[in-house]
Structures are given as structure tokens and as C-alpha cells.
Amino acid sequence: MNHQDINTSSFRQMIEEDSFVLIDVRTLEEYSEGHIKGAVNLDFYKTTFEDDIDELDKRKRYLVYCRSGNRSRQAMYLMRDLGFEEVYNLSDGIISWNENNYPVER
């Protein structure tokens, strides 16, 4: 099992491999303001968050992110505890993504 924080350039490279499921754990409002293309929004603060995560295929490879890396890091550890095999967290969140002028969708 592999669960780790990664930097923004590594995260972008992994997205380009197209073999990962991309999850944005911010609120719907934050997601609507701009998200990484292809990201599925699962709000960390929703009461159903753990159940929503638990329904995902644990054998797939996941990339998770939030605003600054804190919520997504907690989500990564939750996913580890639920038995997910491979999860990577964008350590500095979409803040760093934006600072690198990487594209977002609205």
C-alpha cells in the first residue's frame, strides 16, 4: 500500500498519466470557484463523506487535493484506514497549483 504527500509538479505529472481518479475534497462552493479538470467533488465536511469514500473502488489509484493540503491529507489517511491501496495527496493544495499557474476549470 502506498499513501503519501507529493509536491505540485509530481501531482501534475501523475494526472497526465491518466491512470488515477482525481478527488477534490473541498466544499461545492470552493470546487465551483475553480478545480482541476476531471476532479470529482466529495465534500470533506459532509456527514456522508466517509460513506462516500468507502463506496469507491479501493483497488484504483487516487489523487486527492483540497485548498491547502490539510483536509486531503486527512482524507488520504481515512482512505488508507478503509483499505485503499494507493492514494497521493497534493501536499500544498490547490493554492500551490494556482501559484504554478496550472489550469483550472470553473
C-alpha atoms as a PDB file:
ATOM      1  CA  MET A   1       0.000   0.000   0.000  1.00  0.00           C
ATOM      2  CA  ASN A   2       1.238   3.454  -0.883  1.00  0.00           C
ATOM      3  CA  HIS A   3      -0.076   6.634   0.747  1.00  0.00           C
ATOM      4  CA  GLN A   4       1.989   9.793   0.614  1.00  0.00           C
ATOM      5  CA  ASP A   5       2.131  13.549   0.238  1.00  0.00           C
ATOM      6  CA  ILE A   6       3.577  14.709  -3.079  1.00  0.00           C
ATOM      7  CA  ASN A   7       4.527  18.104  -4.467  1.00  0.00           C
ATOM      8  CA  THR A   8       2.642  20.020  -7.123  1.00  0.00           C
ATOM      9  CA  SER A   9       4.806  19.092 -10.111  1.00  0.00           C
ATOM     10  CA  SER A  10       4.658  15.368  -9.235  1.00  0.00           C
ATOM     11  CA  PHE A  11       0.885  15.636  -8.775  1.00  0.00           C
ATOM     12  CA  ARG A  12       0.517  17.217 -12.222  1.00  0.00           C
ATOM     13  CA  GLN A  13       2.675  14.505 -13.816  1.00  0.00           C
ATOM     14  CA  MET A  14       0.511  11.806 -12.238  1.00  0.00           C
ATOM     15  CA  ILE A  15      -2.665  13.482 -13.561  1.00  0.00           C
ATOM     16  CA  GLU A  16      -1.171  13.381 -17.044  1.00  0.00           C
ATOM     17  CA  GLU A  17      -0.597   9.623 -16.719  1.00  0.00           C
ATOM     18  CA  ASP A  18      -4.406   9.326 -16.733  1.00  0.00           C
ATOM     19  CA  SER A  19      -4.379   6.210 -14.555  1.00  0.00           C
ATOM     20  CA  PHE A  20      -5.655   7.946 -11.420  1.00  0.00           C
ATOM     21  CA  VAL A  21      -9.024   9.011 -10.063  1.00  0.00           C
ATOM     22  CA  LEU A  22      -8.818  12.675  -9.062  1.00  0.00           C
ATOM     23  CA  ILE A  23     -10.791  13.752  -5.981  1.00  0.00           C
ATOM     24  CA  ASP A  24     -11.347  17.315  -4.758  1.00  0.00           C
ATOM     25  CA  VAL A  25     -12.433  17.202  -1.098  1.00  0.00           C
ATOM     26  CA  ARG A  26     -13.324  20.902  -0.809  1.00  0.00           C
ATOM     27  CA  THR A  27     -16.846  22.254  -0.454  1.00  0.00           C
ATOM     28  CA  LEU A  28     -19.040  22.564  -3.539  1.00  0.00           C
ATOM     29  CA  GLU A  29     -18.650  26.342  -3.349  1.00  0.00           C
ATOM     30  CA  GLU A  30     -14.835  26.071  -3.367  1.00  0.00           C
ATOM     31  CA  TYR A  31     -14.991  23.488  -6.170  1.00  0.00           C
ATOM     32  CA  SER A  32     -17.188  25.815  -8.264  1.00  0.00           C
ATOM     33  CA  GLU A  33     -14.651  28.642  -7.928  1.00  0.00           C
ATOM     34  CA  GLY A  34     -12.088  26.539  -9.806  1.00  0.00           C
ATOM     35  CA  HIS A  35     -10.997  22.902  -9.781  1.00  0.00           C
ATOM     36  CA  ILE A  36      -8.536  20.677 -11.579  1.00  0.00           C
ATOM     37  CA  LYS A  37     -10.009  19.231 -14.774  1.00  0.00           C
ATOM     38  CA  GLY A  38     -11.557  15.821 -14.252  1.00  0.00           C
ATOM     39  CA  ALA A  39     -11.810  16.108 -10.467  1.00  0.00           C
ATOM     40  CA  VAL A  40     -14.742  14.509  -8.672  1.00  0.00           C
ATOM     41  CA  ASN A  41     -16.027  16.625  -5.773  1.00  0.00           C
ATOM     42  CA  LEU A  42     -16.545  14.805  -2.466  1.00  0.00           C
ATOM     43  CA  ASP A  43     -17.029  17.400   0.277  1.00  0.00           C
ATOM     44  CA  PHE A  44     -14.902  16.563   3.319  1.00  0.00           C
ATOM     45  CA  TYR A  45     -17.365  18.362   5.604  1.00  0.00           C
ATOM     46  CA  LYS A  46     -20.473  16.422   4.515  1.00  0.00           C
ATOM     47  CA  THR A  47     -21.777  13.967   7.090  1.00  0.00           C
ATOM     48  CA  THR A  48     -21.757  11.270   4.375  1.00  0.00           C
ATOM     49  CA  PHE A  49     -18.093  11.840   3.433  1.00  0.00           C
ATOM     50  CA  GLU A  50     -16.713   8.630   4.943  1.00  0.00           C
ATOM     51  CA  ASP A  51     -19.513   6.568   3.375  1.00  0.00           C
ATOM     52  CA  ASP A  52     -18.996   8.308   0.005  1.00  0.00           C
ATOM     53  CA  ILE A  53     -15.282   7.480   0.127  1.00  0.00           C
ATOM     54  CA  ASP A  54     -15.909   3.908   1.279  1.00  0.00           C
ATOM     55  CA  GLU A  55     -18.078   3.260  -1.800  1.00  0.00           C
ATOM     56  CA  LEU A  56     -15.141   3.919  -4.170  1.00  0.00           C
ATOM     57  CA  ASP A  57     -13.119   1.082  -5.733  1.00  0.00           C
ATOM     58  CA  LYS A  58     -10.254   0.512  -3.292  1.00  0.00           C
ATOM     59  CA  ARG A  59      -8.032  -1.071  -5.970  1.00  0.00           C
ATOM     60  CA  LYS A  60      -7.893   2.064  -8.142  1.00  0.00           C
ATOM     61  CA  ARG A  61      -5.194   4.723  -7.772  1.00  0.00           C
ATOM     62  CA  TYR A  62      -6.260   8.077  -6.306  1.00  0.00           C
ATOM     63  CA  LEU A  63      -5.025  11.648  -6.234  1.00  0.00           C
ATOM     64  CA  VAL A  64      -6.672  13.867  -3.610  1.00  0.00           C
ATOM     65  CA  TYR A  65      -6.463  17.594  -3.010  1.00  0.00           C
ATOM     66  CA  CYS A  66      -8.103  20.460  -1.163  1.00  0.00           C
ATOM     67  CA  ARG A  67      -7.265  24.142  -0.615  1.00  0.00           C
ATOM     68  CA  SER A  68      -4.041  23.787   1.382  1.00  0.00           C
ATOM     69  CA  GLY A  69      -3.422  20.051   1.794  1.00  0.00           C
ATOM     70  CA  ASN A  70      -4.889  19.562   5.275  1.00  0.00           C
ATOM     71  CA  ARG A  71      -8.336  18.107   4.508  1.00  0.00           C
ATOM     72  CA  SER A  72      -6.968  15.995   1.683  1.00  0.00           C
ATOM     73  CA  ARG A  73      -4.214  14.637   3.950  1.00  0.00           C
ATOM     74  CA  GLN A  74      -6.892  13.588   6.440  1.00  0.00           C
ATOM     75  CA  ALA A  75      -8.875  12.061   3.568  1.00  0.00           C
ATOM     76  CA  MET A  76      -5.769  10.151   2.424  1.00  0.00           C
ATOM     77  CA  TYR A  77      -5.317   8.661   5.908  1.00  0.00           C
ATOM     78  CA  LEU A  78      -9.016   7.793   6.066  1.00  0.00           C
ATOM     79  CA  MET A  79      -8.685   6.048   2.699  1.00  0.00           C
ATOM     80  CA  ARG A  80      -5.655   4.145   3.982  1.00  0.00           C
ATOM     81  CA  ASP A  81      -7.622   3.039   7.042  1.00  0.00           C
ATOM     82  CA  LEU A  82     -10.513   1.951   4.804  1.00  0.00           C
ATOM     83  CA  GLY A  83      -8.179  -0.265   2.779  1.00  0.00           C
ATOM     84  CA  PHE A  84      -7.375   1.808  -0.308  1.00  0.00           C
ATOM     85  CA  GLU A  85      -4.182   0.562  -1.948  1.00  0.00           C
ATOM     86  CA  GLU A  86      -2.727   3.747  -3.456  1.00  0.00           C
ATOM     87  CA  VAL A  87      -3.530   7.370  -2.575  1.00  0.00           C
ATOM     88  CA  TYR A  88      -1.454  10.520  -3.118  1.00  0.00           C
ATOM     89  CA  ASN A  89      -2.148  13.891  -1.522  1.00  0.00           C
ATOM     90  CA  LEU A  90      -1.281  17.261  -3.093  1.00  0.00           C
ATOM     91  CA  SER A  91       0.743  18.450  -0.099  1.00  0.00           C
ATOM     92  CA  ASP A  92       0.219  22.196  -0.617  1.00  0.00           C
ATOM     93  CA  GLY A  93      -3.255  22.016  -2.125  1.00  0.00           C
ATOM     94  CA  ILE A  94      -4.767  23.951  -4.975  1.00  0.00           C
ATOM     95  CA  ILE A  95      -3.109  27.071  -3.555  1.00  0.00           C
ATOM     96  CA  SER A  96       0.206  25.732  -4.857  1.00  0.00           C
ATOM     97  CA  TRP A  97      -1.434  24.538  -8.085  1.00  0.00           C
ATOM     98  CA  ASN A  98      -2.647  28.089  -8.746  1.00  0.00           C
ATOM     99  CA  GLU A  99       0.714  29.615  -7.790  1.00  0.00           C
ATOM    100  CA  ASN A 100       2.279  27.460 -10.520  1.00  0.00           C
ATOM    101  CA  ASN A 101      -0.311  28.793 -12.993  1.00  0.00           C
ATOM    102  CA  TYR A 102      -1.573  25.289 -13.754  1.00  0.00           C
ATOM    103  CA  PRO A 103      -5.017  25.225 -15.397  1.00  0.00           C
ATOM    104  CA  VAL A 104      -8.319  25.040 -13.522  1.00  0.00           C
ATOM    105  CA  GLU A 105     -11.907  24.670 -14.702  1.00  0.00           C
ATOM    106  CA  ARG A 106     -14.921  26.605 -13.481  1.00  0.00           C
END
